[in-house]
Amino acid sequence: MDTATHMLRTGRRGALFELNMALRDVRASLQRIGLAWSLAQHDIVSRYRGSILGPFWITLSMGLMVAGIGLLNARLFRASLHDFIPFGLWNTGPAWVPLQPIFSLGCPPTPD
């Protein structure tokens, strides 16, 4: 099937064209990185406006959660802290925290 017929039947222009479009989109996004930074900063400032600790609370709460869960799990699994903490650090914080909004917003509670 030639390119014109393929485009008419599927609405797609081919993998190379789609790759070029994706790369063009990434380039345009990187050129506007200042906008993304500004929006992120505004979100953090507005979220923690009345807090004394401010945006440092994100880091502090993550550190306390990782330390607490890491120590608890090392104790429960009878593992030495030297062996368990690096594993526990990854599994408690950075691996799951970005997924939490997806689960909480994507799975609304069922009505009674």
PDB file of N, CA and C in Angstrom:
ATOM      1  N   MET A   1       0.859  -1.158   0.000  1.00  0.00           N
ATOM      2  CA  MET A   1       0.000   0.000   0.000  1.00  0.00           C
ATOM      3  C   MET A   1       0.913   1.232   0.000  1.00  0.00           C
ATOM      4  N   ASP A   2       0.633   2.159  -0.891  1.00  0.00           N
ATOM      5  CA  ASP A   2       1.473   3.364  -0.948  1.00  0.00           C
ATOM      6  C   ASP A   2       1.120   4.318   0.196  1.00  0.00           C
ATOM      7  N   THR A   3       1.956   5.329   0.400  1.00  0.00           N
ATOM      8  CA  THR A   3       1.827   6.233   1.537  1.00  0.00           C
ATOM      9  C   THR A   3       0.518   7.002   1.529  1.00  0.00           C
ATOM     10  N   ALA A   4       0.101   7.489   0.363  1.00  0.00           N
ATOM     11  CA  ALA A   4      -1.128   8.277   0.288  1.00  0.00           C
ATOM     12  C   ALA A   4      -2.350   7.431   0.648  1.00  0.00           C
ATOM     13  N   THR A   5      -2.410   6.202   0.152  1.00  0.00           N
ATOM     14  CA  THR A   5      -3.529   5.323   0.459  1.00  0.00           C
ATOM     15  C   THR A   5      -3.536   4.968   1.953  1.00  0.00           C
ATOM     16  N   HIS A   6      -2.348   4.699   2.490  1.00  0.00           N
ATOM     17  CA  HIS A   6      -2.240   4.379   3.918  1.00  0.00           C
ATOM     18  C   HIS A   6      -2.731   5.547   4.769  1.00  0.00           C
ATOM     19  N   MET A   7      -2.336   6.771   4.391  1.00  0.00           N
ATOM     20  CA  MET A   7      -2.743   7.943   5.148  1.00  0.00           C
ATOM     21  C   MET A   7      -4.256   8.149   5.073  1.00  0.00           C
ATOM     22  N   LEU A   8      -4.833   7.921   3.907  1.00  0.00           N
ATOM     23  CA  LEU A   8      -6.268   8.094   3.758  1.00  0.00           C
ATOM     24  C   LEU A   8      -7.056   7.055   4.550  1.00  0.00           C
ATOM     25  N   ARG A   9      -6.562   5.816   4.585  1.00  0.00           N
ATOM     26  CA  ARG A   9      -7.286   4.758   5.274  1.00  0.00           C
ATOM     27  C   ARG A   9      -7.129   4.821   6.794  1.00  0.00           C
ATOM     28  N   THR A  10      -5.935   5.147   7.270  1.00  0.00           N
ATOM     29  CA  THR A  10      -5.681   5.077   8.711  1.00  0.00           C
ATOM     30  C   THR A  10      -5.623   6.448   9.380  1.00  0.00           C
ATOM     31  N   GLY A  11      -5.391   7.499   8.629  1.00  0.00           N
ATOM     32  CA  GLY A  11      -5.226   8.815   9.222  1.00  0.00           C
ATOM     33  C   GLY A  11      -3.842   9.027   9.789  1.00  0.00           C
ATOM     34  N   ARG A  12      -2.955   8.071   9.575  1.00  0.00           N
ATOM     35  CA  ARG A  12      -1.588   8.166  10.089  1.00  0.00           C
ATOM     36  C   ARG A  12      -0.622   8.356   8.930  1.00  0.00           C
ATOM     37  N   ARG A  13       0.439   9.081   9.201  1.00  0.00           N
ATOM     38  CA  ARG A  13       1.417   9.350   8.149  1.00  0.00           C
ATOM     39  C   ARG A  13       2.656   8.475   8.236  1.00  0.00           C
ATOM     40  N   GLY A  14       2.739   7.643   9.248  1.00  0.00           N
ATOM     41  CA  GLY A  14       3.874   6.740   9.373  1.00  0.00           C
ATOM     42  C   GLY A  14       4.660   6.995  10.650  1.00  0.00           C
ATOM     43  N   ALA A  15       5.492   6.017  10.988  1.00  0.00           N
ATOM     44  CA  ALA A  15       6.227   6.055  12.245  1.00  0.00           C
ATOM     45  C   ALA A  15       7.267   7.171  12.261  1.00  0.00           C
ATOM     46  N   LEU A  16       7.955   7.408  11.155  1.00  0.00           N
ATOM     47  CA  LEU A  16       8.987   8.447  11.106  1.00  0.00           C
ATOM     48  C   LEU A  16       8.376   9.832  11.301  1.00  0.00           C
ATOM     49  N   PHE A  17       7.225  10.071  10.676  1.00  0.00           N
ATOM     50  CA  PHE A  17       6.548  11.350  10.847  1.00  0.00           C
ATOM     51  C   PHE A  17       6.124  11.549  12.304  1.00  0.00           C
ATOM     52  N   GLU A  18       5.582  10.481  12.916  1.00  0.00           N
ATOM     53  CA  GLU A  18       5.152  10.576  14.312  1.00  0.00           C
ATOM     54  C   GLU A  18       6.339  10.788  15.242  1.00  0.00           C
ATOM     55  N   LEU A  19       7.474  10.165  14.961  1.00  0.00           N
ATOM     56  CA  LEU A  19       8.679  10.385  15.757  1.00  0.00           C
ATOM     57  C   LEU A  19       9.148  11.831  15.634  1.00  0.00           C
ATOM     58  N   ASN A  20       9.132  12.362  14.420  1.00  0.00           N
ATOM     59  CA  ASN A  20       9.521  13.761  14.223  1.00  0.00           C
ATOM     60  C   ASN A  20       8.573  14.709  14.955  1.00  0.00           C
ATOM     61  N   MET A  21       7.277  14.399  14.942  1.00  0.00           N
ATOM     62  CA  MET A  21       6.313  15.227  15.678  1.00  0.00           C
ATOM     63  C   MET A  21       6.591  15.174  17.178  1.00  0.00           C
ATOM     64  N   ALA A  22       6.909  13.990  17.691  1.00  0.00           N
ATOM     65  CA  ALA A  22       7.199  13.845  19.123  1.00  0.00           C
ATOM     66  C   ALA A  22       8.454  14.617  19.502  1.00  0.00           C
ATOM     67  N   LEU A  23       9.486  14.529  18.678  1.00  0.00           N
ATOM     68  CA  LEU A  23      10.724  15.266  18.953  1.00  0.00           C
ATOM     69  C   LEU A  23      10.500  16.772  18.874  1.00  0.00           C
ATOM     70  N   ARG A  24       9.682  17.203  17.940  1.00  0.00           N
ATOM     71  CA  ARG A  24       9.356  18.624  17.829  1.00  0.00           C
ATOM     72  C   ARG A  24       8.610  19.104  19.079  1.00  0.00           C
ATOM     73  N   ASP A  25       7.716  18.260  19.578  1.00  0.00           N
ATOM     74  CA  ASP A  25       6.973  18.596  20.790  1.00  0.00           C
ATOM     75  C   ASP A  25       7.896  18.680  22.003  1.00  0.00           C
ATOM     76  N   VAL A  26       8.841  17.753  22.119  1.00  0.00           N
ATOM     77  CA  VAL A  26       9.799  17.789  23.230  1.00  0.00           C
ATOM     78  C   VAL A  26      10.654  19.041  23.146  1.00  0.00           C
ATOM     79  N   ARG A  27      11.120  19.383  21.940  1.00  0.00           N
ATOM     80  CA  ARG A  27      11.920  20.604  21.763  1.00  0.00           C
ATOM     81  C   ARG A  27      11.137  21.849  22.160  1.00  0.00           C
ATOM     82  N   ALA A  28       9.880  21.921  21.745  1.00  0.00           N
ATOM     83  CA  ALA A  28       9.048  23.079  22.093  1.00  0.00           C
ATOM     84  C   ALA A  28       8.809  23.150  23.601  1.00  0.00           C
ATOM     85  N   SER A  29       8.656  21.990  24.247  1.00  0.00           N
ATOM     86  CA  SER A  29       8.468  21.974  25.696  1.00  0.00           C
ATOM     87  C   SER A  29       9.723  22.433  26.416  1.00  0.00           C
ATOM     88  N   LEU A  30      10.881  22.002  25.940  1.00  0.00           N
ATOM     89  CA  LEU A  30      12.137  22.409  26.573  1.00  0.00           C
ATOM     90  C   LEU A  30      12.401  23.904  26.395  1.00  0.00           C
ATOM     91  N   GLN A  31      11.909  24.469  25.313  1.00  0.00           N
ATOM     92  CA  GLN A  31      12.069  25.909  25.116  1.00  0.00           C
ATOM     93  C   GLN A  31      11.206  26.690  26.087  1.00  0.00           C
ATOM     94  N   ARG A  32      10.161  26.079  26.604  1.00  0.00           N
ATOM     95  CA  ARG A  32       9.264  26.745  27.551  1.00  0.00           C
ATOM     96  C   ARG A  32       9.437  26.207  28.970  1.00  0.00           C
ATOM     97  N   ILE A  33      10.654  25.770  29.310  1.00  0.00           N
ATOM     98  CA  ILE A  33      10.904  25.193  30.628  1.00  0.00           C
ATOM     99  C   ILE A  33      10.682  26.238  31.719  1.00  0.00           C
ATOM    100  N   GLY A  34      10.881  27.499  31.403  1.00  0.00           N
ATOM    101  CA  GLY A  34      10.637  28.559  32.380  1.00  0.00           C
ATOM    102  C   GLY A  34       9.176  28.618  32.803  1.00  0.00           C
ATOM    103  N   LEU A  35       8.287  28.361  31.867  1.00  0.00           N
ATOM    104  CA  LEU A  35       6.858  28.346  32.179  1.00  0.00           C
ATOM    105  C   LEU A  35       6.533  27.208  33.148  1.00  0.00           C
ATOM    106  N   ALA A  36       7.089  26.027  32.902  1.00  0.00           N
ATOM    107  CA  ALA A  36       6.846  24.889  33.789  1.00  0.00           C
ATOM    108  C   ALA A  36       7.398  25.179  35.181  1.00  0.00           C
ATOM    109  N   TRP A  37       8.586  25.767  35.257  1.00  0.00           N
ATOM    110  CA  TRP A  37       9.185  26.113  36.545  1.00  0.00           C
ATOM    111  C   TRP A  37       8.313  27.133  37.280  1.00  0.00           C
ATOM    112  N   SER A  38       7.833  28.117  36.579  1.00  0.00           N
ATOM    113  CA  SER A  38       6.998  29.148  37.181  1.00  0.00           C
ATOM    114  C   SER A  38       5.696  28.560  37.707  1.00  0.00           C
ATOM    115  N   LEU A  39       5.069  27.679  36.954  1.00  0.00           N
ATOM    116  CA  LEU A  39       3.824  27.046  37.398  1.00  0.00           C
ATOM    117  C   LEU A  39       4.053  26.155  38.618  1.00  0.00           C
ATOM    118  N   ALA A  40       5.160  25.414  38.631  1.00  0.00           N
ATOM    119  CA  ALA A  40       5.465  24.555  39.771  1.00  0.00           C
ATOM    120  C   ALA A  40       5.731  25.382  41.021  1.00  0.00           C
ATOM    121  N   GLN A  41       6.482  26.466  40.856  1.00  0.00           N
ATOM    122  CA  GLN A  41       6.786  27.330  41.992  1.00  0.00           C
ATOM    123  C   GLN A  41       5.502  27.974  42.538  1.00  0.00           C
ATOM    124  N   HIS A  42       4.640  28.422  41.655  1.00  0.00           N
ATOM    125  CA  HIS A  42       3.370  29.017  42.081  1.00  0.00           C
ATOM    126  C   HIS A  42       2.514  28.001  42.834  1.00  0.00           C
ATOM    127  N   ASP A  43       2.496  26.760  42.370  1.00  0.00           N
ATOM    128  CA  ASP A  43       1.718  25.716  43.033  1.00  0.00           C
ATOM    129  C   ASP A  43       2.228  25.472  44.445  1.00  0.00           C
ATOM    130  N   ILE A  44       3.531  25.381  44.615  1.00  0.00           N
ATOM    131  CA  ILE A  44       4.104  25.129  45.935  1.00  0.00           C
ATOM    132  C   ILE A  44       3.865  26.312  46.866  1.00  0.00           C
ATOM    133  N   VAL A  45       4.056  27.531  46.362  1.00  0.00           N
ATOM    134  CA  VAL A  45       3.843  28.711  47.202  1.00  0.00           C
ATOM    135  C   VAL A  45       2.384  28.824  47.624  1.00  0.00           C
ATOM    136  N   SER A  46       1.457  28.579  46.705  1.00  0.00           N
ATOM    137  CA  SER A  46       0.042  28.691  47.059  1.00  0.00           C
ATOM    138  C   SER A  46      -0.406  27.556  47.980  1.00  0.00           C
ATOM    139  N   ARG A  47       0.181  26.394  47.852  1.00  0.00           N
ATOM    140  CA  ARG A  47      -0.201  25.262  48.683  1.00  0.00           C
ATOM    141  C   ARG A  47       0.267  25.433  50.127  1.00  0.00           C
ATOM    142  N   TYR A  48       1.448  26.006  50.310  1.00  0.00           N
ATOM    143  CA  TYR A  48       2.025  26.126  51.641  1.00  0.00           C
ATOM    144  C   TYR A  48       2.090  27.584  52.099  1.00  0.00           C
ATOM    145  N   ARG A  49       1.133  28.383  51.718  1.00  0.00           N
ATOM    146  CA  ARG A  49       1.118  29.811  52.035  1.00  0.00           C
ATOM    147  C   ARG A  49       1.088  30.072  53.534  1.00  0.00           C
ATOM    148  N   GLY A  50       0.275  29.369  54.301  1.00  0.00           N
ATOM    149  CA  GLY A  50       0.146  29.639  55.726  1.00  0.00           C
ATOM    150  C   GLY A  50       1.072  28.814  56.596  1.00  0.00           C
ATOM    151  N   SER A  51       1.930  28.025  56.012  1.00  0.00           N
ATOM    152  CA  SER A  51       2.786  27.135  56.775  1.00  0.00           C
ATOM    153  C   SER A  51       4.083  27.825  57.177  1.00  0.00           C
ATOM    154  N   ILE A  52       4.564  27.500  58.368  1.00  0.00           N
ATOM    155  CA  ILE A  52       5.841  28.043  58.819  1.00  0.00           C
ATOM    156  C   ILE A  52       6.985  27.362  58.081  1.00  0.00           C
ATOM    157  N   LEU A  53       6.893  26.061  57.910  1.00  0.00           N
ATOM    158  CA  LEU A  53       7.970  25.332  57.245  1.00  0.00           C
ATOM    159  C   LEU A  53       7.947  25.527  55.730  1.00  0.00           C
ATOM    160  N   GLY A  54       6.797  25.815  55.200  1.00  0.00           N
ATOM    161  CA  GLY A  54       6.693  26.080  53.768  1.00  0.00           C
ATOM    162  C   GLY A  54       7.033  24.881  52.916  1.00  0.00           C
ATOM    163  N   PRO A  55       7.680  25.117  51.784  1.00  0.00           N
ATOM    164  CA  PRO A  55       7.964  24.020  50.853  1.00  0.00           C
ATOM    165  C   PRO A  55       8.951  22.992  51.404  1.00  0.00           C
ATOM    166  N   PHE A  56       9.673  23.328  52.460  1.00  0.00           N
ATOM    167  CA  PHE A  56      10.604  22.353  53.031  1.00  0.00           C
ATOM    168  C   PHE A  56       9.861  21.215  53.724  1.00  0.00           C
ATOM    169  N   TRP A  57       8.559  21.407  53.980  1.00  0.00           N
ATOM    170  CA  TRP A  57       7.763  20.357  54.597  1.00  0.00           C
ATOM    171  C   TRP A  57       7.688  19.136  53.692  1.00  0.00           C
ATOM    172  N   ILE A  58       7.687  19.326  52.393  1.00  0.00           N
ATOM    173  CA  ILE A  58       7.655  18.197  51.456  1.00  0.00           C
ATOM    174  C   ILE A  58       8.866  17.303  51.694  1.00  0.00           C
ATOM    175  N   THR A  59      10.039  17.922  51.742  1.00  0.00           N
ATOM    176  CA  THR A  59      11.273  17.169  51.932  1.00  0.00           C
ATOM    177  C   THR A  59      11.331  16.561  53.325  1.00  0.00           C
ATOM    178  N   LEU A  60      10.961  17.331  54.325  1.00  0.00           N
ATOM    179  CA  LEU A  60      11.005  16.850  55.701  1.00  0.00           C
ATOM    180  C   LEU A  60      10.044  15.677  55.900  1.00  0.00           C
ATOM    181  N   SER A  61       8.825  15.780  55.404  1.00  0.00           N
ATOM    182  CA  SER A  61       7.862  14.692  55.583  1.00  0.00           C
ATOM    183  C   SER A  61       8.299  13.439  54.828  1.00  0.00           C
ATOM    184  N   MET A  62       8.886  13.604  53.646  1.00  0.00           N
ATOM    185  CA  MET A  62       9.383  12.449  52.894  1.00  0.00           C
ATOM    186  C   MET A  62      10.518  11.780  53.658  1.00  0.00           C
ATOM    187  N   GLY A  63      11.430  12.572  54.201  1.00  0.00           N
ATOM    188  CA  GLY A  63      12.545  12.006  54.958  1.00  0.00           C
ATOM    189  C   GLY A  63      12.081  11.271  56.200  1.00  0.00           C
ATOM    190  N   LEU A  64      11.128  11.852  56.926  1.00  0.00           N
ATOM    191  CA  LEU A  64      10.612  11.190  58.122  1.00  0.00           C
ATOM    192  C   LEU A  64       9.873   9.904  57.771  1.00  0.00           C
ATOM    193  N   MET A  65       9.113   9.928  56.690  1.00  0.00           N
ATOM    194  CA  MET A  65       8.391   8.728  56.282  1.00  0.00           C
ATOM    195  C   MET A  65       9.360   7.621  55.873  1.00  0.00           C
ATOM    196  N   VAL A  66      10.370   7.961  55.097  1.00  0.00           N
ATOM    197  CA  VAL A  66      11.345   6.971  54.644  1.00  0.00           C
ATOM    198  C   VAL A  66      12.104   6.396  55.830  1.00  0.00           C
ATOM    199  N   ALA A  67      12.528   7.256  56.756  1.00  0.00           N
ATOM    200  CA  ALA A  67      13.268   6.777  57.921  1.00  0.00           C
ATOM    201  C   ALA A  67      12.378   5.877  58.788  1.00  0.00           C
ATOM    202  N   GLY A  68      11.153   6.290  59.039  1.00  0.00           N
ATOM    203  CA  GLY A  68      10.271   5.491  59.874  1.00  0.00           C
ATOM    204  C   GLY A  68       9.934   4.150  59.274  1.00  0.00           C
ATOM    205  N   ILE A  69       9.537   4.147  58.026  1.00  0.00           N
ATOM    206  CA  ILE A  69       9.171   2.886  57.373  1.00  0.00           C
ATOM    207  C   ILE A  69      10.403   2.013  57.177  1.00  0.00           C
ATOM    208  N   GLY A  70      11.524   2.622  56.850  1.00  0.00           N
ATOM    209  CA  GLY A  70      12.753   1.848  56.676  1.00  0.00           C
ATOM    210  C   GLY A  70      13.185   1.169  57.959  1.00  0.00           C
ATOM    211  N   LEU A  71      13.155   1.908  59.066  1.00  0.00           N
ATOM    212  CA  LEU A  71      13.537   1.319  60.351  1.00  0.00           C
ATOM    213  C   LEU A  71      12.541   0.236  60.781  1.00  0.00           C
ATOM    214  N   LEU A  72      11.270   0.498  60.602  1.00  0.00           N
ATOM    215  CA  LEU A  72      10.246  -0.476  60.977  1.00  0.00           C
ATOM    216  C   LEU A  72      10.373  -1.767  60.165  1.00  0.00           C
ATOM    217  N   ASN A  73      10.518  -1.632  58.874  1.00  0.00           N
ATOM    218  CA  ASN A  73      10.622  -2.826  58.032  1.00  0.00           C
ATOM    219  C   ASN A  73      11.917  -3.578  58.279  1.00  0.00           C
ATOM    220  N   ALA A  74      13.011  -2.869  58.530  1.00  0.00           N
ATOM    221  CA  ALA A  74      14.267  -3.554  58.836  1.00  0.00           C
ATOM    222  C   ALA A  74      14.115  -4.367  60.121  1.00  0.00           C
ATOM    223  N   ARG A  75      13.406  -3.801  61.070  1.00  0.00           N
ATOM    224  CA  ARG A  75      13.175  -4.506  62.338  1.00  0.00           C
ATOM    225  C   ARG A  75      12.247  -5.711  62.126  1.00  0.00           C
ATOM    226  N   LEU A  76      11.174  -5.507  61.350  1.00  0.00           N
ATOM    227  CA  LEU A  76      10.223  -6.600  61.121  1.00  0.00           C
ATOM    228  C   LEU A  76      10.844  -7.761  60.356  1.00  0.00           C
ATOM    229  N   PHE A  77      11.674  -7.458  59.369  1.00  0.00           N
ATOM    230  CA  PHE A  77      12.286  -8.509  58.550  1.00  0.00           C
ATOM    231  C   PHE A  77      13.619  -8.987  59.113  1.00  0.00           C
ATOM    232  N   ARG A  78      13.983  -8.490  60.288  1.00  0.00           N
ATOM    233  CA  ARG A  78      15.219  -8.871  60.963  1.00  0.00           C
ATOM    234  C   ARG A  78      16.426  -8.723  60.044  1.00  0.00           C
ATOM    235  N   ALA A  79      16.470  -7.608  59.341  1.00  0.00           N
ATOM    236  CA  ALA A  79      17.586  -7.318  58.445  1.00  0.00           C
ATOM    237  C   ALA A  79      18.464  -6.253  59.085  1.00  0.00           C
ATOM    238  N   SER A  80      19.736  -6.278  58.755  1.00  0.00           N
ATOM    239  CA  SER A  80      20.608  -5.227  59.285  1.00  0.00           C
ATOM    240  C   SER A  80      20.271  -3.918  58.567  1.00  0.00           C
ATOM    241  N   LEU A  81      20.369  -2.826  59.286  1.00  0.00           N
ATOM    242  CA  LEU A  81      20.053  -1.528  58.691  1.00  0.00           C
ATOM    243  C   LEU A  81      20.968  -1.222  57.514  1.00  0.00           C
ATOM    244  N   HIS A  82      22.216  -1.660  57.599  1.00  0.00           N
ATOM    245  CA  HIS A  82      23.170  -1.397  56.525  1.00  0.00           C
ATOM    246  C   HIS A  82      22.714  -2.039  55.208  1.00  0.00           C
ATOM    247  N   ASP A  83      22.106  -3.216  55.279  1.00  0.00           N
ATOM    248  CA  ASP A  83      21.636  -3.901  54.067  1.00  0.00           C
ATOM    249  C   ASP A  83      20.252  -3.449  53.638  1.00  0.00           C
ATOM    250  N   PHE A  84      19.405  -3.097  54.601  1.00  0.00           N
ATOM    251  CA  PHE A  84      17.997  -2.878  54.277  1.00  0.00           C
ATOM    252  C   PHE A  84      17.671  -1.437  53.904  1.00  0.00           C
ATOM    253  N   ILE A  85      18.323  -0.468  54.521  1.00  0.00           N
ATOM    254  CA  ILE A  85      17.935   0.932  54.327  1.00  0.00           C
ATOM    255  C   ILE A  85      17.994   1.370  52.862  1.00  0.00           C
ATOM    256  N   PRO A  86      19.040   1.082  52.082  1.00  0.00           N
ATOM    257  CA  PRO A  86      18.990   1.523  50.672  1.00  0.00           C
ATOM    258  C   PRO A  86      17.800   0.942  49.915  1.00  0.00           C
ATOM    259  N   PHE A  87      17.468  -0.308  50.164  1.00  0.00           N
ATOM    260  CA  PHE A  87      16.309  -0.935  49.526  1.00  0.00           C
ATOM    261  C   PHE A  87      15.024  -0.274  50.018  1.00  0.00           C
ATOM    262  N   GLY A  88      14.926  -0.063  51.317  1.00  0.00           N
ATOM    263  CA  GLY A  88      13.740   0.548  51.904  1.00  0.00           C
ATOM    264  C   GLY A  88      13.571   1.994  51.480  1.00  0.00           C
ATOM    265  N   LEU A  89      14.677   2.700  51.294  1.00  0.00           N
ATOM    266  CA  LEU A  89      14.592   4.096  50.863  1.00  0.00           C
ATOM    267  C   LEU A  89      13.921   4.205  49.502  1.00  0.00           C
ATOM    268  N   TRP A  90      14.280   3.347  48.591  1.00  0.00           N
ATOM    269  CA  TRP A  90      13.696   3.431  47.259  1.00  0.00           C
ATOM    270  C   TRP A  90      12.236   2.983  47.262  1.00  0.00           C
ATOM    271  N   ASN A  91      11.926   1.921  47.973  1.00  0.00           N
ATOM    272  CA  ASN A  91      10.575   1.364  47.920  1.00  0.00           C
ATOM    273  C   ASN A  91       9.549   2.170  48.697  1.00  0.00           C
ATOM    274  N   THR A  92       9.976   2.955  49.673  1.00  0.00           N
ATOM    275  CA  THR A  92       8.989   3.697  50.440  1.00  0.00           C
ATOM    276  C   THR A  92       8.713   5.073  49.868  1.00  0.00           C
ATOM    277  N   GLY A  93       9.682   5.717  49.296  1.00  0.00           N
ATOM    278  CA  GLY A  93       9.478   7.096  48.885  1.00  0.00           C
ATOM    279  C   GLY A  93       9.362   7.310  47.402  1.00  0.00           C
ATOM    280  N   PRO A  94      10.482   7.455  46.751  1.00  0.00           N
ATOM    281  CA  PRO A  94      10.470   7.889  45.349  1.00  0.00           C
ATOM    282  C   PRO A  94       9.714   6.961  44.406  1.00  0.00           C
ATOM    283  N   ALA A  95       9.620   5.686  44.749  1.00  0.00           N
ATOM    284  CA  ALA A  95       8.930   4.775  43.842  1.00  0.00           C
ATOM    285  C   ALA A  95       7.416   4.933  43.906  1.00  0.00           C
ATOM    286  N   TRP A  96       6.861   5.283  45.084  1.00  0.00           N
ATOM    287  CA  TRP A  96       5.421   5.265  45.252  1.00  0.00           C
ATOM    288  C   TRP A  96       4.777   6.630  45.379  1.00  0.00           C
ATOM    289  N   VAL A  97       5.501   7.609  45.845  1.00  0.00           N
ATOM    290  CA  VAL A  97       4.896   8.926  46.064  1.00  0.00           C
ATOM    291  C   VAL A  97       4.367   9.550  44.772  1.00  0.00           C
ATOM    292  N   PRO A  98       5.078   9.468  43.638  1.00  0.00           N
ATOM    293  CA  PRO A  98       4.498  10.042  42.418  1.00  0.00           C
ATOM    294  C   PRO A  98       3.228   9.326  41.949  1.00  0.00           C
ATOM    295  N   LEU A  99       3.063   8.074  42.343  1.00  0.00           N
ATOM    296  CA  LEU A  99       1.890   7.324  41.916  1.00  0.00           C
ATOM    297  C   LEU A  99       0.667   7.595  42.783  1.00  0.00           C
ATOM    298  N   GLN A 100       0.862   8.152  43.979  1.00  0.00           N
ATOM    299  CA  GLN A 100      -0.246   8.366  44.908  1.00  0.00           C
ATOM    300  C   GLN A 100      -1.348   9.245  44.325  1.00  0.00           C
ATOM    301  N   PRO A 101      -1.047  10.380  43.671  1.00  0.00           N
ATOM    302  CA  PRO A 101      -2.142  11.173  43.096  1.00  0.00           C
ATOM    303  C   PRO A 101      -2.902  10.433  41.992  1.00  0.00           C
ATOM    304  N   ILE A 102      -2.214   9.585  41.270  1.00  0.00           N
ATOM    305  CA  ILE A 102      -2.876   8.824  40.211  1.00  0.00           C
ATOM    306  C   ILE A 102      -3.913   7.896  40.821  1.00  0.00           C
ATOM    307  N   PHE A 103      -3.541   7.226  41.913  1.00  0.00           N
ATOM    308  CA  PHE A 103      -4.470   6.308  42.553  1.00  0.00           C
ATOM    309  C   PHE A 103      -5.618   7.055  43.220  1.00  0.00           C
ATOM    310  N   SER A 104      -5.305   8.150  43.902  1.00  0.00           N
ATOM    311  CA  SER A 104      -6.364   8.839  44.644  1.00  0.00           C
ATOM    312  C   SER A 104      -7.312   9.608  43.724  1.00  0.00           C
ATOM    313  N   LEU A 105      -6.810  10.159  42.626  1.00  0.00           N
ATOM    314  CA  LEU A 105      -7.671  10.888  41.718  1.00  0.00           C
ATOM    315  C   LEU A 105      -8.322  10.002  40.670  1.00  0.00           C
ATOM    316  N   GLY A 106      -7.649   8.912  40.326  1.00  0.00           N
ATOM    317  CA  GLY A 106      -8.169   8.024  39.297  1.00  0.00           C
ATOM    318  C   GLY A 106      -9.171   7.018  39.796  1.00  0.00           C
ATOM    319  N   CYS A 107      -9.220   6.798  41.099  1.00  0.00           N
ATOM    320  CA  CYS A 107     -10.133   5.833  41.691  1.00  0.00           C
ATOM    321  C   CYS A 107     -11.021   6.544  42.697  1.00  0.00           C
ATOM    322  N   PRO A 108     -12.036   7.248  42.236  1.00  0.00           N
ATOM    323  CA  PRO A 108     -12.893   7.965  43.181  1.00  0.00           C
ATOM    324  C   PRO A 108     -13.678   6.984  44.040  1.00  0.00           C
ATOM    325  N   PRO A 109     -14.061   7.400  45.243  1.00  0.00           N
ATOM    326  CA  PRO A 109     -14.840   6.503  46.090  1.00  0.00           C
ATOM    327  C   PRO A 109     -16.214   6.228  45.472  1.00  0.00           C
ATOM    328  N   THR A 110     -16.715   5.053  45.742  1.00  0.00           N
ATOM    329  CA  THR A 110     -18.022   4.697  45.197  1.00  0.00           C
ATOM    330  C   THR A 110     -19.117   5.317  46.065  1.00  0.00           C
ATOM    331  N   PRO A 111     -20.180   5.787  45.455  1.00  0.00           N
ATOM    332  CA  PRO A 111     -21.276   6.367  46.250  1.00  0.00           C
ATOM    333  C   PRO A 111     -22.013   5.276  47.012  1.00  0.00           C
ATOM    334  N   ASP A 112     -22.572   5.644  48.131  1.00  0.00           N
ATOM    335  CA  ASP A 112     -23.332   4.663  48.948  1.00  0.00           C
ATOM    336  C   ASP A 112     -24.688   4.401  48.359  1.00  0.00           C
TER     337      ASP A 112
END
